[in-house]
């Protein structure tokens, strides 16, 4: 799998990533860092514990990472969750938004793993 194919599969913007980072090698470097990042697990744990402030911080950071890596689908789903948490008053959609973010994150990790384990 090429980096471009990886981005297509995970609904990212490869062209934007190349413009921002300059090369496939640098993109791969930062995608590998994402694999070790703990913000997603912090987000899930904080929501389970109803710690909305910590959940907001983790979601906001994850959104920024996704935007910087041009991971469009993950950025979009995380943005919605971040905005709900920012209000401090989650509504009935929080579970759906978290599941949507979980799906997007799992797809990114699956694609990155396939890319980096070749």
PDB file of N, CA and C in Angstrom:
ATOM      1  N   UNK A   1       0.846  -1.170   0.000  1.00  0.00           N
ATOM      2  CA  UNK A   1       0.000   0.000   0.000  1.00  0.00           C
ATOM      3  C   UNK A   1       0.898   1.242   0.000  1.00  0.00           C
ATOM      4  N   UNK A   2       0.566   2.190  -0.831  1.00  0.00           N
ATOM      5  CA  UNK A   2       1.293   3.453  -0.855  1.00  0.00           C
ATOM      6  C   UNK A   2       0.660   4.413   0.156  1.00  0.00           C
ATOM      7  N   UNK A   3       1.356   5.488   0.451  1.00  0.00           N
ATOM      8  CA  UNK A   3       0.814   6.490   1.362  1.00  0.00           C
ATOM      9  C   UNK A   3      -0.458   7.086   0.762  1.00  0.00           C
ATOM     10  N   UNK A   4      -0.451   7.328  -0.525  1.00  0.00           N
ATOM     11  CA  UNK A   4      -1.643   7.887  -1.187  1.00  0.00           C
ATOM     12  C   UNK A   4      -2.820   6.926  -1.074  1.00  0.00           C
ATOM     13  N   UNK A   5      -2.590   5.640  -1.289  1.00  0.00           N
ATOM     14  CA  UNK A   5      -3.656   4.643  -1.150  1.00  0.00           C
ATOM     15  C   UNK A   5      -4.160   4.579   0.287  1.00  0.00           C
ATOM     16  N   UNK A   6      -3.252   4.698   1.225  1.00  0.00           N
ATOM     17  CA  UNK A   6      -3.613   4.715   2.644  1.00  0.00           C
ATOM     18  C   UNK A   6      -4.556   5.885   2.926  1.00  0.00           C
ATOM     19  N   UNK A   7      -4.205   7.054   2.437  1.00  0.00           N
ATOM     20  CA  UNK A   7      -5.034   8.237   2.657  1.00  0.00           C
ATOM     21  C   UNK A   7      -6.403   8.088   1.985  1.00  0.00           C
ATOM     22  N   UNK A   8      -6.434   7.491   0.816  1.00  0.00           N
ATOM     23  CA  UNK A   8      -7.719   7.273   0.155  1.00  0.00           C
ATOM     24  C   UNK A   8      -8.603   6.350   0.988  1.00  0.00           C
ATOM     25  N   UNK A   9      -8.010   5.282   1.506  1.00  0.00           N
ATOM     26  CA  UNK A   9      -8.780   4.303   2.274  1.00  0.00           C
ATOM     27  C   UNK A   9      -9.298   4.906   3.580  1.00  0.00           C
ATOM     28  N   UNK A  10      -8.525   5.768   4.224  1.00  0.00           N
ATOM     29  CA  UNK A  10      -8.968   6.330   5.497  1.00  0.00           C
ATOM     30  C   UNK A  10      -9.644   7.696   5.333  1.00  0.00           C
ATOM     31  N   UNK A  11     -10.010   8.029   4.101  1.00  0.00           N
ATOM     32  CA  UNK A  11     -10.729   9.262   3.784  1.00  0.00           C
ATOM     33  C   UNK A  11      -9.968  10.487   4.272  1.00  0.00           C
ATOM     34  N   UNK A  12      -8.690  10.525   3.900  1.00  0.00           N
ATOM     35  CA  UNK A  12      -7.846  11.668   4.208  1.00  0.00           C
ATOM     36  C   UNK A  12      -7.549  12.454   2.950  1.00  0.00           C
ATOM     37  N   UNK A  13      -6.827  13.525   3.109  1.00  0.00           N
ATOM     38  CA  UNK A  13      -6.469  14.377   1.980  1.00  0.00           C
ATOM     39  C   UNK A  13      -4.950  14.274   1.771  1.00  0.00           C
ATOM     40  N   UNK A  14      -4.557  13.348   0.917  1.00  0.00           N
ATOM     41  CA  UNK A  14      -3.138  13.088   0.679  1.00  0.00           C
ATOM     42  C   UNK A  14      -2.418  14.324   0.142  1.00  0.00           C
ATOM     43  N   UNK A  15      -3.026  15.016  -0.795  1.00  0.00           N
ATOM     44  CA  UNK A  15      -2.382  16.176  -1.395  1.00  0.00           C
ATOM     45  C   UNK A  15      -2.090  17.251  -0.344  1.00  0.00           C
ATOM     46  N   UNK A  16      -3.035  17.474   0.561  1.00  0.00           N
ATOM     47  CA  UNK A  16      -2.821  18.457   1.630  1.00  0.00           C
ATOM     48  C   UNK A  16      -1.715  17.993   2.572  1.00  0.00           C
ATOM     49  N   UNK A  17      -1.681  16.702   2.865  1.00  0.00           N
ATOM     50  CA  UNK A  17      -0.640  16.163   3.743  1.00  0.00           C
ATOM     51  C   UNK A  17       0.738  16.357   3.126  1.00  0.00           C
ATOM     52  N   UNK A  18       0.861  16.111   1.833  1.00  0.00           N
ATOM     53  CA  UNK A  18       2.147  16.297   1.152  1.00  0.00           C
ATOM     54  C   UNK A  18       2.542  17.771   1.163  1.00  0.00           C
ATOM     55  N   UNK A  19       1.581  18.658   0.924  1.00  0.00           N
ATOM     56  CA  UNK A  19       1.882  20.099   0.963  1.00  0.00           C
ATOM     57  C   UNK A  19       2.375  20.511   2.346  1.00  0.00           C
ATOM     58  N   UNK A  20       1.763  19.976   3.384  1.00  0.00           N
ATOM     59  CA  UNK A  20       2.134  20.353   4.750  1.00  0.00           C
ATOM     60  C   UNK A  20       3.461  19.731   5.183  1.00  0.00           C
ATOM     61  N   UNK A  21       3.677  18.463   4.809  1.00  0.00           N
ATOM     62  CA  UNK A  21       4.835  17.741   5.338  1.00  0.00           C
ATOM     63  C   UNK A  21       5.955  17.520   4.337  1.00  0.00           C
ATOM     64  N   UNK A  22       5.670  17.671   3.069  1.00  0.00           N
ATOM     65  CA  UNK A  22       6.728  17.651   2.074  1.00  0.00           C
ATOM     66  C   UNK A  22       7.096  16.319   1.459  1.00  0.00           C
ATOM     67  N   UNK A  23       6.867  15.214   2.155  1.00  0.00           N
ATOM     68  CA  UNK A  23       7.264  13.929   1.589  1.00  0.00           C
ATOM     69  C   UNK A  23       6.491  12.792   2.253  1.00  0.00           C
ATOM     70  N   UNK A  24       6.444  11.668   1.550  1.00  0.00           N
ATOM     71  CA  UNK A  24       5.806  10.477   2.108  1.00  0.00           C
ATOM     72  C   UNK A  24       6.523  10.004   3.365  1.00  0.00           C
ATOM     73  N   UNK A  25       7.835  10.121   3.379  1.00  0.00           N
ATOM     74  CA  UNK A  25       8.608   9.672   4.541  1.00  0.00           C
ATOM     75  C   UNK A  25       8.219  10.452   5.797  1.00  0.00           C
ATOM     76  N   UNK A  26       8.042  11.748   5.656  1.00  0.00           N
ATOM     77  CA  UNK A  26       7.660  12.572   6.810  1.00  0.00           C
ATOM     78  C   UNK A  26       6.220  12.267   7.229  1.00  0.00           C
ATOM     79  N   UNK A  27       5.356  12.038   6.266  1.00  0.00           N
ATOM     80  CA  UNK A  27       3.978  11.665   6.588  1.00  0.00           C
ATOM     81  C   UNK A  27       3.976  10.375   7.402  1.00  0.00           C
ATOM     82  N   UNK A  28       4.719   9.384   6.947  1.00  0.00           N
ATOM     83  CA  UNK A  28       4.790   8.104   7.654  1.00  0.00           C
ATOM     84  C   UNK A  28       5.332   8.308   9.067  1.00  0.00           C
ATOM     85  N   UNK A  29       6.331   9.148   9.205  1.00  0.00           N
ATOM     86  CA  UNK A  29       6.905   9.426  10.525  1.00  0.00           C
ATOM     87  C   UNK A  29       5.826   9.903  11.488  1.00  0.00           C
ATOM     88  N   UNK A  30       4.999  10.836  11.051  1.00  0.00           N
ATOM     89  CA  UNK A  30       3.975  11.390  11.936  1.00  0.00           C
ATOM     90  C   UNK A  30       2.788  10.453  12.109  1.00  0.00           C
ATOM     91  N   UNK A  31       2.490   9.650  11.110  1.00  0.00           N
ATOM     92  CA  UNK A  31       1.438   8.639  11.287  1.00  0.00           C
ATOM     93  C   UNK A  31       1.865   7.604  12.327  1.00  0.00           C
ATOM     94  N   UNK A  32       3.145   7.264  12.350  1.00  0.00           N
ATOM     95  CA  UNK A  32       3.649   6.336  13.375  1.00  0.00           C
ATOM     96  C   UNK A  32       3.534   6.950  14.767  1.00  0.00           C
ATOM     97  N   UNK A  33       3.765   8.240  14.875  1.00  0.00           N
ATOM     98  CA  UNK A  33       3.617   8.917  16.166  1.00  0.00           C
ATOM     99  C   UNK A  33       2.153   8.863  16.608  1.00  0.00           C
ATOM    100  N   UNK A  34       1.246   9.036  15.667  1.00  0.00           N
ATOM    101  CA  UNK A  34      -0.183   8.948  15.984  1.00  0.00           C
ATOM    102  C   UNK A  34      -0.527   7.588  16.595  1.00  0.00           C
ATOM    103  N   UNK A  35       0.105   6.528  16.119  1.00  0.00           N
ATOM    104  CA  UNK A  35      -0.158   5.192  16.658  1.00  0.00           C
ATOM    105  C   UNK A  35       0.159   5.119  18.154  1.00  0.00           C
ATOM    106  N   UNK A  36       1.104   5.912  18.618  1.00  0.00           N
ATOM    107  CA  UNK A  36       1.506   5.890  20.028  1.00  0.00           C
ATOM    108  C   UNK A  36       0.794   6.950  20.872  1.00  0.00           C
ATOM    109  N   UNK A  37       0.080   7.850  20.233  1.00  0.00           N
ATOM    110  CA  UNK A  37      -0.590   8.936  20.934  1.00  0.00           C
ATOM    111  C   UNK A  37      -1.679   8.384  21.863  1.00  0.00           C
ATOM    112  N   UNK A  38      -1.831   8.986  23.027  1.00  0.00           N
ATOM    113  CA  UNK A  38      -2.779   8.486  24.025  1.00  0.00           C
ATOM    114  C   UNK A  38      -4.055   9.319  24.136  1.00  0.00           C
ATOM    115  N   UNK A  39      -4.229  10.308  23.309  1.00  0.00           N
ATOM    116  CA  UNK A  39      -5.403  11.172  23.444  1.00  0.00           C
ATOM    117  C   UNK A  39      -6.715  10.442  23.197  1.00  0.00           C
ATOM    118  N   UNK A  40      -6.739   9.498  22.285  1.00  0.00           N
ATOM    119  CA  UNK A  40      -7.983   8.776  22.036  1.00  0.00           C
ATOM    120  C   UNK A  40      -8.391   7.951  23.254  1.00  0.00           C
ATOM    121  N   UNK A  41      -7.436   7.230  23.839  1.00  0.00           N
ATOM    122  CA  UNK A  41      -7.780   6.437  25.027  1.00  0.00           C
ATOM    123  C   UNK A  41      -8.152   7.353  26.193  1.00  0.00           C
ATOM    124  N   UNK A  42      -7.506   8.500  26.311  1.00  0.00           N
ATOM    125  CA  UNK A  42      -7.866   9.472  27.351  1.00  0.00           C
ATOM    126  C   UNK A  42      -9.285   9.986  27.145  1.00  0.00           C
ATOM    127  N   UNK A  43      -9.649  10.236  25.905  1.00  0.00           N
ATOM    128  CA  UNK A  43     -10.996  10.692  25.569  1.00  0.00           C
ATOM    129  C   UNK A  43     -12.036   9.663  26.008  1.00  0.00           C
ATOM    130  N   UNK A  44     -11.829   8.418  25.624  1.00  0.00           N
ATOM    131  CA  UNK A  44     -12.794   7.365  25.956  1.00  0.00           C
ATOM    132  C   UNK A  44     -12.906   7.177  27.464  1.00  0.00           C
ATOM    133  N   UNK A  45     -11.781   7.159  28.149  1.00  0.00           N
ATOM    134  CA  UNK A  45     -11.769   6.981  29.603  1.00  0.00           C
ATOM    135  C   UNK A  45     -12.477   8.149  30.287  1.00  0.00           C
ATOM    136  N   UNK A  46     -12.194   9.364  29.844  1.00  0.00           N
ATOM    137  CA  UNK A  46     -12.815  10.544  30.455  1.00  0.00           C
ATOM    138  C   UNK A  46     -14.327  10.540  30.247  1.00  0.00           C
ATOM    139  N   UNK A  47     -14.786  10.143  29.082  1.00  0.00           N
ATOM    140  CA  UNK A  47     -16.231  10.084  28.846  1.00  0.00           C
ATOM    141  C   UNK A  47     -16.854   9.014  29.729  1.00  0.00           C
ATOM    142  N   UNK A  48     -16.208   7.862  29.846  1.00  0.00           N
ATOM    143  CA  UNK A  48     -16.713   6.801  30.738  1.00  0.00           C
ATOM    144  C   UNK A  48     -16.831   7.292  32.178  1.00  0.00           C
ATOM    145  N   UNK A  49     -15.920   8.167  32.592  1.00  0.00           N
ATOM    146  CA  UNK A  49     -15.906   8.683  33.960  1.00  0.00           C
ATOM    147  C   UNK A  49     -16.684   9.994  34.100  1.00  0.00           C
ATOM    148  N   UNK A  50     -17.329  10.401  33.017  1.00  0.00           N
ATOM    149  CA  UNK A  50     -18.097  11.650  32.980  1.00  0.00           C
ATOM    150  C   UNK A  50     -17.242  12.866  33.337  1.00  0.00           C
ATOM    151  N   UNK A  51     -15.974  12.821  32.961  1.00  0.00           N
ATOM    152  CA  UNK A  51     -15.041  13.929  33.159  1.00  0.00           C
ATOM    153  C   UNK A  51     -15.000  14.728  31.858  1.00  0.00           C
ATOM    154  N   UNK A  52     -15.945  15.628  31.718  1.00  0.00           N
ATOM    155  CA  UNK A  52     -16.135  16.326  30.451  1.00  0.00           C
ATOM    156  C   UNK A  52     -14.990  17.286  30.124  1.00  0.00           C
ATOM    157  N   UNK A  53     -14.360  17.856  31.130  1.00  0.00           N
ATOM    158  CA  UNK A  53     -13.242  18.773  30.874  1.00  0.00           C
ATOM    159  C   UNK A  53     -12.052  18.020  30.265  1.00  0.00           C
ATOM    160  N   UNK A  54     -11.709  16.883  30.853  1.00  0.00           N
ATOM    161  CA  UNK A  54     -10.614  16.076  30.318  1.00  0.00           C
ATOM    162  C   UNK A  54     -10.982  15.521  28.949  1.00  0.00           C
ATOM    163  N   UNK A  55     -12.232  15.113  28.789  1.00  0.00           N
ATOM    164  CA  UNK A  55     -12.696  14.605  27.496  1.00  0.00           C
ATOM    165  C   UNK A  55     -12.578  15.687  26.427  1.00  0.00           C
ATOM    166  N   UNK A  56     -12.961  16.903  26.766  1.00  0.00           N
ATOM    167  CA  UNK A  56     -12.843  18.007  25.816  1.00  0.00           C
ATOM    168  C   UNK A  56     -11.390  18.221  25.405  1.00  0.00           C
ATOM    169  N   UNK A  57     -10.488  18.262  26.382  1.00  0.00           N
ATOM    170  CA  UNK A  57      -9.064  18.485  26.076  1.00  0.00           C
ATOM    171  C   UNK A  57      -8.517  17.393  25.162  1.00  0.00           C
ATOM    172  N   UNK A  58      -8.857  16.149  25.443  1.00  0.00           N
ATOM    173  CA  UNK A  58      -8.377  15.037  24.622  1.00  0.00           C
ATOM    174  C   UNK A  58      -8.974  15.096  23.220  1.00  0.00           C
ATOM    175  N   UNK A  59     -10.273  15.374  23.133  1.00  0.00           N
ATOM    176  CA  UNK A  59     -10.924  15.461  21.820  1.00  0.00           C
ATOM    177  C   UNK A  59     -10.355  16.614  21.012  1.00  0.00           C
ATOM    178  N   UNK A  60     -10.141  17.741  21.650  1.00  0.00           N
ATOM    179  CA  UNK A  60      -9.605  18.920  20.970  1.00  0.00           C
ATOM    180  C   UNK A  60      -8.191  18.642  20.437  1.00  0.00           C
ATOM    181  N   UNK A  61      -7.376  17.984  21.244  1.00  0.00           N
ATOM    182  CA  UNK A  61      -6.017  17.642  20.816  1.00  0.00           C
ATOM    183  C   UNK A  61      -6.046  16.642  19.664  1.00  0.00           C
ATOM    184  N   UNK A  62      -6.894  15.635  19.773  1.00  0.00           N
ATOM    185  CA  UNK A  62      -7.017  14.646  18.704  1.00  0.00           C
ATOM    186  C   UNK A  62      -7.495  15.301  17.407  1.00  0.00           C
ATOM    187  N   UNK A  63      -8.413  16.239  17.519  1.00  0.00           N
ATOM    188  CA  UNK A  63      -8.881  16.977  16.336  1.00  0.00           C
ATOM    189  C   UNK A  63      -7.723  17.730  15.688  1.00  0.00           C
ATOM    190  N   UNK A  64      -6.902  18.386  16.495  1.00  0.00           N
ATOM    191  CA  UNK A  64      -5.761  19.115  15.962  1.00  0.00           C
ATOM    192  C   UNK A  64      -4.758  18.204  15.275  1.00  0.00           C
ATOM    193  N   UNK A  65      -4.501  17.061  15.862  1.00  0.00           N
ATOM    194  CA  UNK A  65      -3.595  16.087  15.246  1.00  0.00           C
ATOM    195  C   UNK A  65      -4.151  15.643  13.901  1.00  0.00           C
ATOM    196  N   UNK A  66      -5.444  15.311  13.881  1.00  0.00           N
ATOM    197  CA  UNK A  66      -6.077  14.859  12.640  1.00  0.00           C
ATOM    198  C   UNK A  66      -6.030  15.940  11.565  1.00  0.00           C
ATOM    199  N   UNK A  67      -6.266  17.176  11.955  1.00  0.00           N
ATOM    200  CA  UNK A  67      -6.199  18.273  10.984  1.00  0.00           C
ATOM    201  C   UNK A  67      -4.784  18.453  10.454  1.00  0.00           C
ATOM    202  N   UNK A  68      -3.797  18.395  11.339  1.00  0.00           N
ATOM    203  CA  UNK A  68      -2.405  18.560  10.902  1.00  0.00           C
ATOM    204  C   UNK A  68      -1.941  17.434   9.993  1.00  0.00           C
ATOM    205  N   UNK A  69      -2.508  16.245  10.157  1.00  0.00           N
ATOM    206  CA  UNK A  69      -2.153  15.109   9.298  1.00  0.00           C
ATOM    207  C   UNK A  69      -3.086  14.982   8.094  1.00  0.00           C
ATOM    208  N   UNK A  70      -4.036  15.902   7.972  1.00  0.00           N
ATOM    209  CA  UNK A  70      -5.019  15.905   6.881  1.00  0.00           C
ATOM    210  C   UNK A  70      -5.843  14.617   6.862  1.00  0.00           C
ATOM    211  N   UNK A  71      -6.195  14.140   8.049  1.00  0.00           N
ATOM    212  CA  UNK A  71      -7.051  12.959   8.193  1.00  0.00           C
ATOM    213  C   UNK A  71      -8.490  13.450   8.284  1.00  0.00           C
ATOM    214  N   UNK A  72      -9.071  13.726   7.143  1.00  0.00           N
ATOM    215  CA  UNK A  72     -10.331  14.445   7.029  1.00  0.00           C
ATOM    216  C   UNK A  72     -11.470  13.809   7.809  1.00  0.00           C
ATOM    217  N   UNK A  73     -11.697  12.532   7.618  1.00  0.00           N
ATOM    218  CA  UNK A  73     -12.819  11.873   8.277  1.00  0.00           C
ATOM    219  C   UNK A  73     -12.670  11.898   9.798  1.00  0.00           C
ATOM    220  N   UNK A  74     -11.481  11.604  10.290  1.00  0.00           N
ATOM    221  CA  UNK A  74     -11.242  11.644  11.733  1.00  0.00           C
ATOM    222  C   UNK A  74     -11.383  13.065  12.266  1.00  0.00           C
ATOM    223  N   UNK A  75     -10.870  14.027  11.541  1.00  0.00           N
ATOM    224  CA  UNK A  75     -10.978  15.430  11.974  1.00  0.00           C
ATOM    225  C   UNK A  75     -12.442  15.862  12.046  1.00  0.00           C
ATOM    226  N   UNK A  76     -13.217  15.487  11.050  1.00  0.00           N
ATOM    227  CA  UNK A  76     -14.629  15.878  11.020  1.00  0.00           C
ATOM    228  C   UNK A  76     -15.410  15.269  12.179  1.00  0.00           C
ATOM    229  N   UNK A  77     -15.223  13.982  12.410  1.00  0.00           N
ATOM    230  CA  UNK A  77     -15.982  13.331  13.488  1.00  0.00           C
ATOM    231  C   UNK A  77     -15.535  13.862  14.846  1.00  0.00           C
ATOM    232  N   UNK A  78     -14.243  14.088  15.014  1.00  0.00           N
ATOM    233  CA  UNK A  78     -13.736  14.592  16.278  1.00  0.00           C
ATOM    234  C   UNK A  78     -14.170  16.037  16.505  1.00  0.00           C
ATOM    235  N   UNK A  79     -14.289  16.794  15.441  1.00  0.00           N
ATOM    236  CA  UNK A  79     -14.734  18.183  15.564  1.00  0.00           C
ATOM    237  C   UNK A  79     -16.129  18.253  16.168  1.00  0.00           C
ATOM    238  N   UNK A  80     -17.034  17.424  15.683  1.00  0.00           N
ATOM    239  CA  UNK A  80     -18.401  17.429  16.205  1.00  0.00           C
ATOM    240  C   UNK A  80     -18.418  17.080  17.695  1.00  0.00           C
ATOM    241  N   UNK A  81     -17.650  16.063  18.064  1.00  0.00           N
ATOM    242  CA  UNK A  81     -17.585  15.652  19.460  1.00  0.00           C
ATOM    243  C   UNK A  81     -16.957  16.753  20.313  1.00  0.00           C
ATOM    244  N   UNK A  82     -15.908  17.374  19.808  1.00  0.00           N
ATOM    245  CA  UNK A  82     -15.234  18.457  20.530  1.00  0.00           C
ATOM    246  C   UNK A  82     -16.194  19.602  20.819  1.00  0.00           C
ATOM    247  N   UNK A  83     -16.965  19.983  19.822  1.00  0.00           N
ATOM    248  CA  UNK A  83     -17.883  21.112  20.003  1.00  0.00           C
ATOM    249  C   UNK A  83     -18.962  20.787  21.016  1.00  0.00           C
ATOM    250  N   UNK A  84     -19.431  19.556  21.032  1.00  0.00           N
ATOM    251  CA  UNK A  84     -20.424  19.172  22.031  1.00  0.00           C
ATOM    252  C   UNK A  84     -19.804  19.232  23.433  1.00  0.00           C
ATOM    253  N   UNK A  85     -18.588  18.718  23.557  1.00  0.00           N
ATOM    254  CA  UNK A  85     -17.926  18.724  24.868  1.00  0.00           C
ATOM    255  C   UNK A  85     -17.563  20.140  25.300  1.00  0.00           C
ATOM    256  N   UNK A  86     -17.252  21.003  24.343  1.00  0.00           N
ATOM    257  CA  UNK A  86     -16.912  22.398  24.661  1.00  0.00           C
ATOM    258  C   UNK A  86     -18.064  23.071  25.408  1.00  0.00           C
ATOM    259  N   UNK A  87     -19.272  22.735  25.035  1.00  0.00           N
ATOM    260  CA  UNK A  87     -20.437  23.353  25.668  1.00  0.00           C
ATOM    261  C   UNK A  87     -20.575  22.940  27.134  1.00  0.00           C
ATOM    262  N   UNK A  88     -19.956  21.812  27.500  1.00  0.00           N
ATOM    263  CA  UNK A  88     -20.074  21.330  28.867  1.00  0.00           C
ATOM    264  C   UNK A  88     -21.410  20.703  29.172  1.00  0.00           C
ATOM    265  N   UNK A  89     -22.242  20.609  28.149  1.00  0.00           N
ATOM    266  CA  UNK A  89     -23.576  20.040  28.326  1.00  0.00           C
ATOM    267  C   UNK A  89     -23.851  19.041  27.204  1.00  0.00           C
ATOM    268  N   UNK A  90     -23.288  17.848  27.317  1.00  0.00           N
ATOM    269  CA  UNK A  90     -23.499  16.858  26.262  1.00  0.00           C
ATOM    270  C   UNK A  90     -24.976  16.486  26.155  1.00  0.00           C
ATOM    271  N   UNK A  91     -25.386  16.169  24.950  1.00  0.00           N
ATOM    272  CA  UNK A  91     -26.777  15.769  24.758  1.00  0.00           C
ATOM    273  C   UNK A  91     -26.847  14.316  24.321  1.00  0.00           C
ATOM    274  N   UNK A  92     -28.007  13.911  23.889  1.00  0.00           N
ATOM    275  CA  UNK A  92     -28.245  12.503  23.532  1.00  0.00           C
ATOM    276  C   UNK A  92     -27.399  12.034  22.354  1.00  0.00           C
ATOM    277  N   UNK A  93     -26.806  12.949  21.613  1.00  0.00           N
ATOM    278  CA  UNK A  93     -25.976  12.576  20.460  1.00  0.00           C
ATOM    279  C   UNK A  93     -24.542  12.220  20.833  1.00  0.00           C
ATOM    280  N   UNK A  94     -24.150  12.413  22.092  1.00  0.00           N
ATOM    281  CA  UNK A  94     -22.751  12.191  22.462  1.00  0.00           C
ATOM    282  C   UNK A  94     -22.323  10.750  22.194  1.00  0.00           C
ATOM    283  N   UNK A  95     -23.168   9.784  22.526  1.00  0.00           N
ATOM    284  CA  UNK A  95     -22.828   8.384  22.282  1.00  0.00           C
ATOM    285  C   UNK A  95     -22.624   8.108  20.803  1.00  0.00           C
ATOM    286  N   UNK A  96     -23.473   8.666  19.970  1.00  0.00           N
ATOM    287  CA  UNK A  96     -23.353   8.481  18.525  1.00  0.00           C
ATOM    288  C   UNK A  96     -22.079   9.151  18.010  1.00  0.00           C
ATOM    289  N   UNK A  97     -21.798  10.358  18.490  1.00  0.00           N
ATOM    290  CA  UNK A  97     -20.591  11.071  18.053  1.00  0.00           C
ATOM    291  C   UNK A  97     -19.333  10.337  18.493  1.00  0.00           C
ATOM    292  N   UNK A  98     -19.333   9.783  19.694  1.00  0.00           N
ATOM    293  CA  UNK A  98     -18.181   9.020  20.153  1.00  0.00           C
ATOM    294  C   UNK A  98     -17.997   7.770  19.300  1.00  0.00           C
ATOM    295  N   UNK A  99     -19.071   7.073  18.977  1.00  0.00           N
ATOM    296  CA  UNK A  99     -18.968   5.879  18.131  1.00  0.00           C
ATOM    297  C   UNK A  99     -18.453   6.235  16.743  1.00  0.00           C
ATOM    298  N   UNK A 100     -18.901   7.336  16.212  1.00  0.00           N
ATOM    299  CA  UNK A 100     -18.441   7.806  14.907  1.00  0.00           C
ATOM    300  C   UNK A 100     -16.939   8.094  14.947  1.00  0.00           C
ATOM    301  N   UNK A 101     -16.482   8.725  16.027  1.00  0.00           N
ATOM    302  CA  UNK A 101     -15.061   9.010  16.192  1.00  0.00           C
ATOM    303  C   UNK A 101     -14.278   7.712  16.362  1.00  0.00           C
ATOM    304  N   UNK A 102     -14.820   6.769  17.121  1.00  0.00           N
ATOM    305  CA  UNK A 102     -14.156   5.471  17.311  1.00  0.00           C
ATOM    306  C   UNK A 102     -13.970   4.751  15.977  1.00  0.00           C
ATOM    307  N   UNK A 103     -15.003   4.773  15.136  1.00  0.00           N
ATOM    308  CA  UNK A 103     -14.907   4.115  13.819  1.00  0.00           C
ATOM    309  C   UNK A 103     -13.831   4.777  12.955  1.00  0.00           C
ATOM    310  N   UNK A 104     -13.829   6.095  12.918  1.00  0.00           N
ATOM    311  CA  UNK A 104     -12.845   6.821  12.105  1.00  0.00           C
ATOM    312  C   UNK A 104     -11.434   6.571  12.629  1.00  0.00           C
ATOM    313  N   UNK A 105     -11.259   6.564  13.936  1.00  0.00           N
ATOM    314  CA  UNK A 105      -9.943   6.347  14.541  1.00  0.00           C
ATOM    315  C   UNK A 105      -9.463   4.921  14.271  1.00  0.00           C
ATOM    316  N   UNK A 106     -10.360   3.954  14.411  1.00  0.00           N
ATOM    317  CA  UNK A 106      -9.992   2.557  14.161  1.00  0.00           C
ATOM    318  C   UNK A 106      -9.567   2.364  12.703  1.00  0.00           C
ATOM    319  N   UNK A 107     -10.255   3.008  11.769  1.00  0.00           N
ATOM    320  CA  UNK A 107      -9.891   2.903  10.363  1.00  0.00           C
ATOM    321  C   UNK A 107      -8.515   3.512  10.115  1.00  0.00           C
ATOM    322  N   UNK A 108      -8.247   4.652  10.724  1.00  0.00           N
ATOM    323  CA  UNK A 108      -6.930   5.282  10.575  1.00  0.00           C
ATOM    324  C   UNK A 108      -5.841   4.347  11.097  1.00  0.00           C
ATOM    325  N   UNK A 109      -6.029   3.802  12.286  1.00  0.00           N
ATOM    326  CA  UNK A 109      -5.014   2.903  12.851  1.00  0.00           C
ATOM    327  C   UNK A 109      -4.829   1.654  11.997  1.00  0.00           C
ATOM    328  N   UNK A 110      -5.916   1.116  11.481  1.00  0.00           N
ATOM    329  CA  UNK A 110      -5.831  -0.065  10.608  1.00  0.00           C
ATOM    330  C   UNK A 110      -5.022   0.247   9.347  1.00  0.00           C
ATOM    331  N   UNK A 111      -5.303   1.380   8.731  1.00  0.00           N
ATOM    332  CA  UNK A 111      -4.592   1.765   7.510  1.00  0.00           C
ATOM    333  C   UNK A 111      -3.121   2.069   7.781  1.00  0.00           C
ATOM    334  N   UNK A 112      -2.852   2.780   8.859  1.00  0.00           N
ATOM    335  CA  UNK A 112      -1.473   3.120   9.204  1.00  0.00           C
ATOM    336  C   UNK A 112      -0.695   1.847   9.506  1.00  0.00           C
ATOM    337  N   UNK A 113      -1.322   0.927  10.205  1.00  0.00           N
ATOM    338  CA  UNK A 113      -0.658  -0.343  10.505  1.00  0.00           C
ATOM    339  C   UNK A 113      -0.331  -1.105   9.211  1.00  0.00           C
ATOM    340  N   UNK A 114      -1.276  -1.139   8.295  1.00  0.00           N
ATOM    341  CA  UNK A 114      -1.045  -1.814   7.015  1.00  0.00           C
ATOM    342  C   UNK A 114       0.085  -1.121   6.241  1.00  0.00           C
ATOM    343  N   UNK A 115       0.122   0.185   6.296  1.00  0.00           N
ATOM    344  CA  UNK A 115       1.153   0.951   5.590  1.00  0.00           C
ATOM    345  C   UNK A 115       2.534   0.725   6.194  1.00  0.00           C
ATOM    346  N   UNK A 116       2.612   0.752   7.502  1.00  0.00           N
ATOM    347  CA  UNK A 116       3.920   0.702   8.164  1.00  0.00           C
ATOM    348  C   UNK A 116       4.444  -0.716   8.374  1.00  0.00           C
ATOM    349  N   UNK A 117       3.613  -1.712   8.211  1.00  0.00           N
ATOM    350  CA  UNK A 117       4.047  -3.109   8.406  1.00  0.00           C
ATOM    351  C   UNK A 117       4.366  -3.805   7.100  1.00  0.00           C
ATOM    352  N   UNK A 118       4.528  -3.046   6.041  1.00  0.00           N
ATOM    353  CA  UNK A 118       4.816  -3.650   4.740  1.00  0.00           C
ATOM    354  C   UNK A 118       6.291  -3.935   4.619  1.00  0.00           C
TER     355      UNK A 118
END
